[in-house]
PDB file of N, CA and C in Angstrom:
ATOM      1  N   MET A   1       6.793   6.077 -14.877  1.00  0.00           N
ATOM      2  CA  MET A   1       7.521   6.644 -13.758  1.00  0.00           C
ATOM      3  C   MET A   1       7.409   8.161 -13.716  1.00  0.00           C
ATOM      4  N   GLY A   2       6.798   8.788 -14.698  1.00  0.00           N
ATOM      5  CA  GLY A   2       6.692  10.233 -14.740  1.00  0.00           C
ATOM      6  C   GLY A   2       5.988  10.809 -13.531  1.00  0.00           C
ATOM      7  N   ILE A   3       4.857  10.211 -13.173  1.00  0.00           N
ATOM      8  CA  ILE A   3       4.108  10.731 -12.029  1.00  0.00           C
ATOM      9  C   ILE A   3       4.884  10.558 -10.731  1.00  0.00           C
ATOM     10  N   LEU A   4       5.605   9.443 -10.582  1.00  0.00           N
ATOM     11  CA  LEU A   4       6.386   9.230  -9.366  1.00  0.00           C
ATOM     12  C   LEU A   4       7.476  10.284  -9.251  1.00  0.00           C
ATOM     13  N   ASN A   5       8.166  10.562 -10.338  1.00  0.00           N
ATOM     14  CA  ASN A   5       9.206  11.598 -10.316  1.00  0.00           C
ATOM     15  C   ASN A   5       8.611  12.953  -9.970  1.00  0.00           C
ATOM     16  N   GLU A   6       7.435  13.224 -10.500  1.00  0.00           N
ATOM     17  CA  GLU A   6       6.746  14.486 -10.207  1.00  0.00           C
ATOM     18  C   GLU A   6       6.398  14.578  -8.714  1.00  0.00           C
ATOM     19  N   LEU A   7       5.891  13.487  -8.149  1.00  0.00           N
ATOM     20  CA  LEU A   7       5.545  13.464  -6.732  1.00  0.00           C
ATOM     21  C   LEU A   7       6.785  13.585  -5.853  1.00  0.00           C
ATOM     22  N   LEU A   8       7.861  12.917  -6.248  1.00  0.00           N
ATOM     23  CA  LEU A   8       9.105  13.016  -5.479  1.00  0.00           C
ATOM     24  C   LEU A   8       9.650  14.433  -5.494  1.00  0.00           C
ATOM     25  N   GLU A   9       9.563  15.080  -6.629  1.00  0.00           N
ATOM     26  CA  GLU A   9      10.030  16.471  -6.731  1.00  0.00           C
ATOM     27  C   GLU A   9       9.165  17.378  -5.848  1.00  0.00           C
ATOM     28  N   MET A  10       7.860  17.127  -5.849  1.00  0.00           N
ATOM     29  CA  MET A  10       6.929  17.940  -5.072  1.00  0.00           C
ATOM     30  C   MET A  10       7.195  17.800  -3.568  1.00  0.00           C
ATOM     31  N   THR A  11       7.693  16.640  -3.148  1.00  0.00           N
ATOM     32  CA  THR A  11       7.873  16.372  -1.721  1.00  0.00           C
ATOM     33  C   THR A  11       9.332  16.352  -1.299  1.00  0.00           C
ATOM     34  N   LYS A  12      10.220  16.866  -2.122  1.00  0.00           N
ATOM     35  CA  LYS A  12      11.654  16.713  -1.855  1.00  0.00           C
ATOM     36  C   LYS A  12      12.119  17.321  -0.541  1.00  0.00           C
ATOM     37  N   ASN A  13      11.428  18.305  -0.004  1.00  0.00           N
ATOM     38  CA  ASN A  13      11.850  18.932   1.246  1.00  0.00           C
ATOM     39  C   ASN A  13      11.165  18.353   2.484  1.00  0.00           C
ATOM     40  N   SER A  14      10.361  17.315   2.290  1.00  0.00           N
ATOM     41  CA  SER A  14       9.632  16.703   3.405  1.00  0.00           C
ATOM     42  C   SER A  14      10.484  15.623   4.068  1.00  0.00           C
ATOM     43  N   ASP A  15      10.182  15.328   5.337  1.00  0.00           N
ATOM     44  CA  ASP A  15      10.859  14.203   5.982  1.00  0.00           C
ATOM     45  C   ASP A  15      10.311  12.908   5.377  1.00  0.00           C
ATOM     46  N   LEU A  16      10.975  11.789   5.633  1.00  0.00           N
ATOM     47  CA  LEU A  16      10.647  10.533   4.969  1.00  0.00           C
ATOM     48  C   LEU A  16       9.196  10.115   5.185  1.00  0.00           C
ATOM     49  N   ASP A  17       8.718  10.107   6.418  1.00  0.00           N
ATOM     50  CA  ASP A  17       7.342   9.672   6.680  1.00  0.00           C
ATOM     51  C   ASP A  17       6.330  10.559   5.970  1.00  0.00           C
ATOM     52  N   LEU A  18       6.541  11.844   6.002  1.00  0.00           N
ATOM     53  CA  LEU A  18       5.632  12.771   5.340  1.00  0.00           C
ATOM     54  C   LEU A  18       5.681  12.582   3.826  1.00  0.00           C
ATOM     55  N   LYS A  19       6.858  12.379   3.292  1.00  0.00           N
ATOM     56  CA  LYS A  19       7.017  12.167   1.851  1.00  0.00           C
ATOM     57  C   LYS A  19       6.278  10.900   1.416  1.00  0.00           C
ATOM     58  N   VAL A  20       6.466   9.797   2.133  1.00  0.00           N
ATOM     59  CA  VAL A  20       5.789   8.541   1.787  1.00  0.00           C
ATOM     60  C   VAL A  20       4.278   8.720   1.905  1.00  0.00           C
ATOM     61  N   LYS A  21       3.819   9.410   2.933  1.00  0.00           N
ATOM     62  CA  LYS A  21       2.385   9.648   3.130  1.00  0.00           C
ATOM     63  C   LYS A  21       1.808  10.488   1.997  1.00  0.00           C
ATOM     64  N   GLN A  22       2.485  11.541   1.611  1.00  0.00           N
ATOM     65  CA  GLN A  22       1.992  12.416   0.544  1.00  0.00           C
ATOM     66  C   GLN A  22       1.909  11.668  -0.787  1.00  0.00           C
ATOM     67  N   ILE A  23       2.920  10.889  -1.111  1.00  0.00           N
ATOM     68  CA  ILE A  23       2.916  10.124  -2.356  1.00  0.00           C
ATOM     69  C   ILE A  23       1.815   9.064  -2.310  1.00  0.00           C
ATOM     70  N   SER A  24       1.687   8.386  -1.180  1.00  0.00           N
ATOM     71  CA  SER A  24       0.646   7.365  -1.030  1.00  0.00           C
ATOM     72  C   SER A  24      -0.747   7.974  -1.174  1.00  0.00           C
ATOM     73  N   ASP A  25      -0.961   9.140  -0.618  1.00  0.00           N
ATOM     74  CA  ASP A  25      -2.260   9.812  -0.736  1.00  0.00           C
ATOM     75  C   ASP A  25      -2.609  10.094  -2.197  1.00  0.00           C
ATOM     76  N   GLU A  26      -1.621  10.506  -2.972  1.00  0.00           N
ATOM     77  CA  GLU A  26      -1.850  10.770  -4.395  1.00  0.00           C
ATOM     78  C   GLU A  26      -2.192   9.477  -5.137  1.00  0.00           C
ATOM     79  N   ILE A  27      -1.509   8.405  -4.823  1.00  0.00           N
ATOM     80  CA  ILE A  27      -1.799   7.113  -5.452  1.00  0.00           C
ATOM     81  C   ILE A  27      -3.198   6.642  -5.058  1.00  0.00           C
ATOM     82  N   MET A  28      -3.551   6.833  -3.794  1.00  0.00           N
ATOM     83  CA  MET A  28      -4.873   6.410  -3.316  1.00  0.00           C
ATOM     84  C   MET A  28      -6.009   7.151  -4.023  1.00  0.00           C
ATOM     85  N   LYS A  29      -5.775   8.380  -4.449  1.00  0.00           N
ATOM     86  CA  LYS A  29      -6.808   9.113  -5.197  1.00  0.00           C
ATOM     87  C   LYS A  29      -7.171   8.379  -6.477  1.00  0.00           C
ATOM     88  N   GLU A  30      -6.206   7.687  -7.073  1.00  0.00           N
ATOM     89  CA  GLU A  30      -6.461   6.923  -8.286  1.00  0.00           C
ATOM     90  C   GLU A  30      -6.977   5.523  -7.985  1.00  0.00           C
ATOM     91  N   GLU A  31      -6.519   4.912  -6.912  1.00  0.00           N
ATOM     92  CA  GLU A  31      -6.881   3.528  -6.598  1.00  0.00           C
ATOM     93  C   GLU A  31      -8.251   3.390  -5.951  1.00  0.00           C
ATOM     94  N   ARG A  32      -8.620   4.303  -5.087  1.00  0.00           N
ATOM     95  CA  ARG A  32      -9.860   4.168  -4.315  1.00  0.00           C
ATOM     96  C   ARG A  32     -11.104   3.995  -5.201  1.00  0.00           C
ATOM     97  N   PRO A  33     -11.243   4.718  -6.313  1.00  0.00           N
ATOM     98  CA  PRO A  33     -12.431   4.498  -7.158  1.00  0.00           C
ATOM     99  C   PRO A  33     -12.496   3.096  -7.777  1.00  0.00           C
ATOM    100  N   LYS A  34     -11.409   2.367  -7.815  1.00  0.00           N
ATOM    101  CA  LYS A  34     -11.370   1.022  -8.389  1.00  0.00           C
ATOM    102  C   LYS A  34     -11.844  -0.053  -7.402  1.00  0.00           C
ATOM    103  N   PHE A  35     -11.999   0.286  -6.115  1.00  0.00           N
ATOM    104  CA  PHE A  35     -12.388  -0.703  -5.111  1.00  0.00           C
ATOM    105  C   PHE A  35     -13.793  -1.217  -5.402  1.00  0.00           C
ATOM    106  N   ALA A  36     -13.955  -2.540  -5.359  1.00  0.00           N
ATOM    107  CA  ALA A  36     -15.257  -3.153  -5.615  1.00  0.00           C
ATOM    108  C   ALA A  36     -16.267  -2.766  -4.537  1.00  0.00           C
ATOM    109  N   ASN A  37     -15.831  -2.751  -3.294  1.00  0.00           N
ATOM    110  CA  ASN A  37     -16.686  -2.384  -2.173  1.00  0.00           C
ATOM    111  C   ASN A  37     -15.891  -1.451  -1.268  1.00  0.00           C
ATOM    112  N   LYS A  38     -16.257  -0.213  -1.252  1.00  0.00           N
ATOM    113  CA  LYS A  38     -15.499   0.810  -0.521  1.00  0.00           C
ATOM    114  C   LYS A  38     -15.381   0.505   0.976  1.00  0.00           C
ATOM    115  N   SER A  39     -16.359  -0.198   1.524  1.00  0.00           N
ATOM    116  CA  SER A  39     -16.314  -0.490   2.960  1.00  0.00           C
ATOM    117  C   SER A  39     -15.271  -1.550   3.315  1.00  0.00           C
ATOM    118  N   ASP A  40     -14.722  -2.235   2.313  1.00  0.00           N
ATOM    119  CA  ASP A  40     -13.693  -3.252   2.567  1.00  0.00           C
ATOM    120  C   ASP A  40     -12.303  -2.651   2.783  1.00  0.00           C
ATOM    121  N   GLU A  41     -12.105  -1.416   2.406  1.00  0.00           N
ATOM    122  CA  GLU A  41     -10.774  -0.819   2.466  1.00  0.00           C
ATOM    123  C   GLU A  41     -10.185  -0.868   3.881  1.00  0.00           C
ATOM    124  N   PRO A  42      -8.982  -1.435   4.019  1.00  0.00           N
ATOM    125  CA  PRO A  42      -8.314  -1.385   5.323  1.00  0.00           C
ATOM    126  C   PRO A  42      -7.975   0.075   5.639  1.00  0.00           C
ATOM    127  N   ILE A  43      -8.366   0.520   6.802  1.00  0.00           N
ATOM    128  CA  ILE A  43      -8.100   1.909   7.158  1.00  0.00           C
ATOM    129  C   ILE A  43      -7.420   1.972   8.513  1.00  0.00           C
ATOM    130  N   GLY A  44      -6.714   3.041   8.720  1.00  0.00           N
ATOM    131  CA  GLY A  44      -6.025   3.271   9.972  1.00  0.00           C
ATOM    132  C   GLY A  44      -5.004   4.368   9.772  1.00  0.00           C
ATOM    133  N   ALA A  45      -4.604   4.977  10.838  1.00  0.00           N
ATOM    134  CA  ALA A  45      -3.669   6.100  10.750  1.00  0.00           C
ATOM    135  C   ALA A  45      -2.336   5.699  10.137  1.00  0.00           C
ATOM    136  N   ASN A  46      -1.942   4.456  10.280  1.00  0.00           N
ATOM    137  CA  ASN A  46      -0.645   4.025   9.780  1.00  0.00           C
ATOM    138  C   ASN A  46      -0.723   3.197   8.509  1.00  0.00           C
ATOM    139  N   ILE A  47      -1.902   3.060   7.921  1.00  0.00           N
ATOM    140  CA  ILE A  47      -2.025   2.429   6.608  1.00  0.00           C
ATOM    141  C   ILE A  47      -1.955   3.555   5.584  1.00  0.00           C
ATOM    142  N   PHE A  48      -0.833   3.630   4.904  1.00  0.00           N
ATOM    143  CA  PHE A  48      -0.593   4.725   3.965  1.00  0.00           C
ATOM    144  C   PHE A  48      -1.158   4.433   2.581  1.00  0.00           C
ATOM    145  N   LEU A  49      -1.137   3.172   2.163  1.00  0.00           N
ATOM    146  CA  LEU A  49      -1.493   2.837   0.794  1.00  0.00           C
ATOM    147  C   LEU A  49      -2.171   1.477   0.780  1.00  0.00           C
ATOM    148  N   ALA A  50      -3.236   1.333   0.002  1.00  0.00           N
ATOM    149  CA  ALA A  50      -3.927   0.048  -0.143  1.00  0.00           C
ATOM    150  C   ALA A  50      -4.356  -0.102  -1.599  1.00  0.00           C
ATOM    151  N   VAL A  51      -3.991  -1.229  -2.198  1.00  0.00           N
ATOM    152  CA  VAL A  51      -4.385  -1.537  -3.566  1.00  0.00           C
ATOM    153  C   VAL A  51      -5.143  -2.853  -3.531  1.00  0.00           C
ATOM    154  N   GLN A  52      -6.363  -2.837  -4.105  1.00  0.00           N
ATOM    155  CA  GLN A  52      -7.181  -4.042  -4.131  1.00  0.00           C
ATOM    156  C   GLN A  52      -6.844  -4.863  -5.365  1.00  0.00           C
ATOM    157  N   PHE A  53      -6.876  -6.188  -5.205  1.00  0.00           N
ATOM    158  CA  PHE A  53      -6.676  -7.086  -6.344  1.00  0.00           C
ATOM    159  C   PHE A  53      -7.432  -8.377  -6.079  1.00  0.00           C
ATOM    160  N   ASP A  54      -7.692  -9.128  -7.157  1.00  0.00           N
ATOM    161  CA  ASP A  54      -8.384 -10.408  -7.035  1.00  0.00           C
ATOM    162  C   ASP A  54      -7.359 -11.484  -6.738  1.00  0.00           C
ATOM    163  N   ASP A  55      -7.595 -12.229  -5.676  1.00  0.00           N
ATOM    164  CA  ASP A  55      -6.683 -13.280  -5.250  1.00  0.00           C
ATOM    165  C   ASP A  55      -7.452 -14.600  -5.204  1.00  0.00           C
ATOM    166  N   ASN A  56      -7.671 -15.195  -6.380  1.00  0.00           N
ATOM    167  CA  ASN A  56      -8.406 -16.464  -6.487  1.00  0.00           C
ATOM    168  C   ASN A  56      -9.773 -16.398  -5.813  1.00  0.00           C
ATOM    169  N   GLY A  57     -10.518 -15.367  -6.095  1.00  0.00           N
ATOM    170  CA  GLY A  57     -11.860 -15.230  -5.554  1.00  0.00           C
ATOM    171  C   GLY A  57     -11.949 -14.541  -4.209  1.00  0.00           C
ATOM    172  N   ALA A  58     -10.820 -14.235  -3.599  1.00  0.00           N
ATOM    173  CA  ALA A  58     -10.826 -13.542  -2.304  1.00  0.00           C
ATOM    174  C   ALA A  58     -10.709 -12.038  -2.525  1.00  0.00           C
ATOM    175  N   THR A  59     -11.318 -11.277  -1.653  1.00  0.00           N
ATOM    176  CA  THR A  59     -11.114  -9.834  -1.643  1.00  0.00           C
ATOM    177  C   THR A  59      -9.789  -9.591  -0.937  1.00  0.00           C
ATOM    178  N   SER A  60      -8.841  -9.012  -1.646  1.00  0.00           N
ATOM    179  CA  SER A  60      -7.510  -8.817  -1.072  1.00  0.00           C
ATOM    180  C   SER A  60      -7.000  -7.408  -1.312  1.00  0.00           C
ATOM    181  N   PHE A  61      -6.225  -6.942  -0.353  1.00  0.00           N
ATOM    182  CA  PHE A  61      -5.579  -5.642  -0.439  1.00  0.00           C
ATOM    183  C   PHE A  61      -4.119  -5.812  -0.059  1.00  0.00           C
ATOM    184  N   LEU A  62      -3.249  -5.134  -0.783  1.00  0.00           N
ATOM    185  CA  LEU A  62      -1.855  -5.049  -0.377  1.00  0.00           C
ATOM    186  C   LEU A  62      -1.661  -3.644   0.170  1.00  0.00           C
ATOM    187  N   CYS A  63      -1.185  -3.571   1.399  1.00  0.00           N
ATOM    188  CA  CYS A  63      -1.076  -2.288   2.098  1.00  0.00           C
ATOM    189  C   CYS A  63       0.365  -1.944   2.428  1.00  0.00           C
ATOM    190  N   LEU A  64       0.651  -0.670   2.408  1.00  0.00           N
ATOM    191  CA  LEU A  64       1.910  -0.142   2.915  1.00  0.00           C
ATOM    192  C   LEU A  64       1.575   0.488   4.255  1.00  0.00           C
ATOM    193  N   GLU A  65       2.213  -0.034   5.304  1.00  0.00           N
ATOM    194  CA  GLU A  65       1.919   0.434   6.658  1.00  0.00           C
ATOM    195  C   GLU A  65       3.182   0.929   7.348  1.00  0.00           C
ATOM    196  N   ARG A  66       3.009   1.976   8.137  1.00  0.00           N
ATOM    197  CA  ARG A  66       4.109   2.462   8.969  1.00  0.00           C
ATOM    198  C   ARG A  66       3.977   1.816  10.333  1.00  0.00           C
ATOM    199  N   GLU A  67       5.050   1.203  10.791  1.00  0.00           N
ATOM    200  CA  GLU A  67       5.043   0.593  12.123  1.00  0.00           C
ATOM    201  C   GLU A  67       5.509   1.604  13.165  1.00  0.00           C
ATOM    202  N   LEU A  68       6.633   2.206  12.930  1.00  0.00           N
ATOM    203  CA  LEU A  68       7.210   3.258  13.771  1.00  0.00           C
ATOM    204  C   LEU A  68       7.725   4.334  12.826  1.00  0.00           C
ATOM    205  N   ALA A  69       8.267   5.391  13.358  1.00  0.00           N
ATOM    206  CA  ALA A  69       8.842   6.429  12.505  1.00  0.00           C
ATOM    207  C   ALA A  69       9.893   5.811  11.596  1.00  0.00           C
ATOM    208  N   GLU A  70       9.701   5.997  10.297  1.00  0.00           N
ATOM    209  CA  GLU A  70      10.625   5.521   9.263  1.00  0.00           C
ATOM    210  C   GLU A  70      10.824   4.007   9.279  1.00  0.00           C
ATOM    211  N   THR A  71       9.826   3.264   9.755  1.00  0.00           N
ATOM    212  CA  THR A  71       9.827   1.803   9.741  1.00  0.00           C
ATOM    213  C   THR A  71       8.530   1.354   9.075  1.00  0.00           C
ATOM    214  N   TYR A  72       8.654   0.546   8.013  1.00  0.00           N
ATOM    215  CA  TYR A  72       7.487   0.174   7.213  1.00  0.00           C
ATOM    216  C   TYR A  72       7.393  -1.330   7.008  1.00  0.00           C
ATOM    217  N   ILE A  73       6.146  -1.780   6.788  1.00  0.00           N
ATOM    218  CA  ILE A  73       5.881  -3.148   6.356  1.00  0.00           C
ATOM    219  C   ILE A  73       4.905  -3.082   5.189  1.00  0.00           C
ATOM    220  N   VAL A  74       4.906  -4.131   4.403  1.00  0.00           N
ATOM    221  CA  VAL A  74       3.888  -4.333   3.380  1.00  0.00           C
ATOM    222  C   VAL A  74       3.061  -5.506   3.871  1.00  0.00           C
ATOM    223  N   SER A  75       1.749  -5.358   3.867  1.00  0.00           N
ATOM    224  CA  SER A  75       0.889  -6.412   4.419  1.00  0.00           C
ATOM    225  C   SER A  75      -0.194  -6.811   3.431  1.00  0.00           C
ATOM    226  N   LEU A  76      -0.526  -8.083   3.462  1.00  0.00           N
ATOM    227  CA  LEU A  76      -1.578  -8.642   2.627  1.00  0.00           C
ATOM    228  C   LEU A  76      -2.791  -8.907   3.495  1.00  0.00           C
ATOM    229  N   TRP A  77      -3.909  -8.276   3.148  1.00  0.00           N
ATOM    230  CA  TRP A  77      -5.168  -8.440   3.875  1.00  0.00           C
ATOM    231  C   TRP A  77      -6.147  -9.152   2.950  1.00  0.00           C
ATOM    232  N   SER A  78      -6.891 -10.146   3.462  1.00  0.00           N
ATOM    233  CA  SER A  78      -7.822 -10.903   2.622  1.00  0.00           C
ATOM    234  C   SER A  78      -9.068 -11.328   3.388  1.00  0.00           C
ATOM    235  N   ARG A  79     -10.102 -11.582   2.594  1.00  0.00           N
ATOM    236  CA  ARG A  79     -11.322 -12.203   3.094  1.00  0.00           C
ATOM    237  C   ARG A  79     -11.836 -13.065   1.953  1.00  0.00           C
ATOM    238  N   LEU A  80     -12.206 -14.303   2.252  1.00  0.00           N
ATOM    239  CA  LEU A  80     -12.705 -15.201   1.223  1.00  0.00           C
ATOM    240  C   LEU A  80     -13.992 -14.660   0.612  1.00  0.00           C
ATOM    241  N   LYS A  81     -14.150 -14.915  -0.676  1.00  0.00           N
ATOM    242  CA  LYS A  81     -15.362 -14.511  -1.372  1.00  0.00           C
ATOM    243  C   LYS A  81     -16.561 -15.202  -0.729  1.00  0.00           C
ATOM    244  N   ASN A  82     -17.674 -14.526  -0.722  1.00  0.00           N
ATOM    245  CA  ASN A  82     -18.931 -15.049  -0.165  1.00  0.00           C
ATOM    246  C   ASN A  82     -18.874 -15.277   1.345  1.00  0.00           C
ATOM    247  N   THR A  83     -17.967 -14.621   2.042  1.00  0.00           N
ATOM    248  CA  THR A  83     -17.952 -14.701   3.495  1.00  0.00           C
ATOM    249  C   THR A  83     -18.154 -13.308   4.059  1.00  0.00           C
ATOM    250  N   GLN A  84     -18.639 -13.261   5.251  1.00  0.00           N
ATOM    251  CA  GLN A  84     -18.872 -11.996   5.942  1.00  0.00           C
ATOM    252  C   GLN A  84     -17.736 -11.752   6.920  1.00  0.00           C
ATOM    253  N   GLY A  85     -17.675 -10.556   7.420  1.00  0.00           N
ATOM    254  CA  GLY A  85     -16.686 -10.245   8.443  1.00  0.00           C
ATOM    255  C   GLY A  85     -15.561  -9.382   7.917  1.00  0.00           C
ATOM    256  N   SER A  86     -14.620  -9.177   8.787  1.00  0.00           N
ATOM    257  CA  SER A  86     -13.513  -8.273   8.498  1.00  0.00           C
ATOM    258  C   SER A  86     -12.453  -8.948   7.660  1.00  0.00           C
ATOM    259  N   LEU A  87     -11.655  -8.104   7.033  1.00  0.00           N
ATOM    260  CA  LEU A  87     -10.454  -8.595   6.380  1.00  0.00           C
ATOM    261  C   LEU A  87      -9.468  -9.031   7.449  1.00  0.00           C
ATOM    262  N   LYS A  88      -8.660  -9.991   7.147  1.00  0.00           N
ATOM    263  CA  LYS A  88      -7.641 -10.482   8.078  1.00  0.00           C
ATOM    264  C   LYS A  88      -6.271 -10.301   7.446  1.00  0.00           C
ATOM    265  N   ARG A  89      -5.310  -9.914   8.263  1.00  0.00           N
ATOM    266  CA  ARG A  89      -3.940  -9.799   7.775  1.00  0.00           C
ATOM    267  C   ARG A  89      -3.393 -11.214   7.604  1.00  0.00           C
ATOM    268  N   LYS A  90      -2.987 -11.540   6.381  1.00  0.00           N
ATOM    269  CA  LYS A  90      -2.531 -12.889   6.062  1.00  0.00           C
ATOM    270  C   LYS A  90      -1.013 -13.011   6.038  1.00  0.00           C
ATOM    271  N   ARG A  91      -0.334 -11.947   5.626  1.00  0.00           N
ATOM    272  CA  ARG A  91       1.115 -12.024   5.495  1.00  0.00           C
ATOM    273  C   ARG A  91       1.703 -10.620   5.554  1.00  0.00           C
ATOM    274  N   THR A  92       2.949 -10.535   6.023  1.00  0.00           N
ATOM    275  CA  THR A  92       3.645  -9.251   6.046  1.00  0.00           C
ATOM    276  C   THR A  92       5.065  -9.426   5.532  1.00  0.00           C
ATOM    277  N   TRP A  93       5.579  -8.343   4.959  1.00  0.00           N
ATOM    278  CA  TRP A  93       6.964  -8.271   4.510  1.00  0.00           C
ATOM    279  C   TRP A  93       7.566  -7.009   5.127  1.00  0.00           C
ATOM    280  N   GLU A  94       8.719  -7.135   5.709  1.00  0.00           N
ATOM    281  CA  GLU A  94       9.412  -5.983   6.277  1.00  0.00           C
ATOM    282  C   GLU A  94      10.137  -5.231   5.167  1.00  0.00           C
ATOM    283  N   VAL A  95       9.990  -3.925   5.152  1.00  0.00           N
ATOM    284  CA  VAL A  95      10.738  -3.096   4.207  1.00  0.00           C
ATOM    285  C   VAL A  95      12.081  -2.826   4.865  1.00  0.00           C
ATOM    286  N   LYS A  96      13.111  -3.436   4.332  1.00  0.00           N
ATOM    287  CA  LYS A  96      14.426  -3.359   4.973  1.00  0.00           C
ATOM    288  C   LYS A  96      15.167  -2.059   4.653  1.00  0.00           C
ATOM    289  N   ASP A  97      15.068  -1.586   3.411  1.00  0.00           N
ATOM    290  CA  ASP A  97      15.780  -0.372   3.022  1.00  0.00           C
ATOM    291  C   ASP A  97      14.811   0.803   3.039  1.00  0.00           C
ATOM    292  N   THR A  98      14.873   1.576   4.115  1.00  0.00           N
ATOM    293  CA  THR A  98      13.983   2.734   4.247  1.00  0.00           C
ATOM    294  C   THR A  98      14.765   4.037   4.164  1.00  0.00           C
ATOM    295  N   SER A  99      15.840   4.015   3.400  1.00  0.00           N
ATOM    296  CA  SER A  99      16.667   5.213   3.299  1.00  0.00           C
ATOM    297  C   SER A  99      16.035   6.288   2.421  1.00  0.00           C
ATOM    298  N   LYS A 100      15.171   5.879   1.468  1.00  0.00           N
ATOM    299  CA  LYS A 100      14.522   6.830   0.568  1.00  0.00           C
ATOM    300  C   LYS A 100      13.097   6.382   0.288  1.00  0.00           C
ATOM    301  N   ALA A 101      12.229   7.345   0.025  1.00  0.00           N
ATOM    302  CA  ALA A 101      10.841   7.028  -0.313  1.00  0.00           C
ATOM    303  C   ALA A 101      10.773   6.176  -1.573  1.00  0.00           C
ATOM    304  N   GLU A 102      11.645   6.432  -2.535  1.00  0.00           N
ATOM    305  CA  GLU A 102      11.651   5.674  -3.791  1.00  0.00           C
ATOM    306  C   GLU A 102      11.877   4.189  -3.528  1.00  0.00           C
ATOM    307  N   LYS A 103      12.753   3.865  -2.607  1.00  0.00           N
ATOM    308  CA  LYS A 103      13.066   2.465  -2.309  1.00  0.00           C
ATOM    309  C   LYS A 103      11.901   1.782  -1.608  1.00  0.00           C
ATOM    310  N   ILE A 104      11.226   2.503  -0.743  1.00  0.00           N
ATOM    311  CA  ILE A 104      10.065   1.951  -0.044  1.00  0.00           C
ATOM    312  C   ILE A 104       8.959   1.649  -1.051  1.00  0.00           C
ATOM    313  N   LEU A 105       8.679   2.590  -1.945  1.00  0.00           N
ATOM    314  CA  LEU A 105       7.624   2.409  -2.935  1.00  0.00           C
ATOM    315  C   LEU A 105       7.999   1.357  -3.979  1.00  0.00           C
ATOM    316  N   LYS A 106       9.275   1.243  -4.308  1.00  0.00           N
ATOM    317  CA  LYS A 106       9.722   0.209  -5.239  1.00  0.00           C
ATOM    318  C   LYS A 106       9.506  -1.168  -4.620  1.00  0.00           C
ATOM    319  N   PHE A 107       9.833  -1.327  -3.339  1.00  0.00           N
ATOM    320  CA  PHE A 107       9.603  -2.597  -2.647  1.00  0.00           C
ATOM    321  C   PHE A 107       8.115  -2.935  -2.658  1.00  0.00           C
ATOM    322  N   TYR A 108       7.279  -1.937  -2.394  1.00  0.00           N
ATOM    323  CA  TYR A 108       5.833  -2.144  -2.411  1.00  0.00           C
ATOM    324  C   TYR A 108       5.386  -2.613  -3.798  1.00  0.00           C
ATOM    325  N   ALA A 109       5.847  -1.938  -4.851  1.00  0.00           N
ATOM    326  CA  ALA A 109       5.456  -2.291  -6.221  1.00  0.00           C
ATOM    327  C   ALA A 109       5.916  -3.698  -6.593  1.00  0.00           C
ATOM    328  N   GLU A 110       7.122  -4.063  -6.188  1.00  0.00           N
ATOM    329  CA  GLU A 110       7.622  -5.416  -6.468  1.00  0.00           C
ATOM    330  C   GLU A 110       6.797  -6.470  -5.730  1.00  0.00           C
ATOM    331  N   THR A 111       6.411  -6.179  -4.505  1.00  0.00           N
ATOM    332  CA  THR A 111       5.590  -7.111  -3.731  1.00  0.00           C
ATOM    333  C   THR A 111       4.205  -7.235  -4.354  1.00  0.00           C
ATOM    334  N   LEU A 112       3.648  -6.127  -4.839  1.00  0.00           N
ATOM    335  CA  LEU A 112       2.344  -6.162  -5.507  1.00  0.00           C
ATOM    336  C   LEU A 112       2.404  -7.043  -6.745  1.00  0.00           C
ATOM    337  N   LYS A 113       3.444  -6.907  -7.528  1.00  0.00           N
ATOM    338  CA  LYS A 113       3.604  -7.770  -8.702  1.00  0.00           C
ATOM    339  C   LYS A 113       3.698  -9.235  -8.281  1.00  0.00           C
ATOM    340  N   TYR A 114       4.416  -9.516  -7.211  1.00  0.00           N
ATOM    341  CA  TYR A 114       4.561 -10.879  -6.726  1.00  0.00           C
ATOM    342  C   TYR A 114       3.215 -11.492  -6.314  1.00  0.00           C
ATOM    343  N   VAL A 115       2.424 -10.756  -5.520  1.00  0.00           N
ATOM    344  CA  VAL A 115       1.158 -11.325  -5.043  1.00  0.00           C
ATOM    345  C   VAL A 115       0.121 -11.434  -6.160  1.00  0.00           C
ATOM    346  N   ARG A 116       0.258 -10.598  -7.182  1.00  0.00           N
ATOM    347  CA  ARG A 116      -0.638 -10.700  -8.345  1.00  0.00           C
ATOM    348  C   ARG A 116      -0.212 -11.836  -9.289  1.00  0.00           C
ATOM    349  N   GLY A 117       0.993 -12.350  -9.088  1.00  0.00           N
ATOM    350  CA  GLY A 117       1.492 -13.427  -9.938  1.00  0.00           C
ATOM    351  C   GLY A 117       2.030 -12.931 -11.269  1.00  0.00           C
ATOM    352  N   GLU A 118       2.501 -11.702 -11.289  1.00  0.00           N
ATOM    353  CA  GLU A 118       3.032 -11.123 -12.539  1.00  0.00           C
ATOM    354  C   GLU A 118       4.511 -11.382 -12.684  1.00  0.00           C
TER     355      GLU A 118
END
């Protein structure tokens, strides 16, 4: 949790959306080199964070997305192994408590553990 506390301190004067974006960007600097195929990464102005994981042979990403100002969802994107085409959004979870960046990121981390089966 040391790095998260450091990032929260660095962004303490930012509004919620900017704070979540800044923290997500820092996490993405570490996650992006781990992607098996860089072209698979879900991208978009409102996709703040994407972590790739193996989901029974499928290429999968768990994303933190902003829907509206201070409104977030966590989404699961997948494509079956050995298939061509785009990733498809398979499932979404609404982030209900968006009062603090820490709570949004904690929900994301808990969902990531769930989809990984941890």
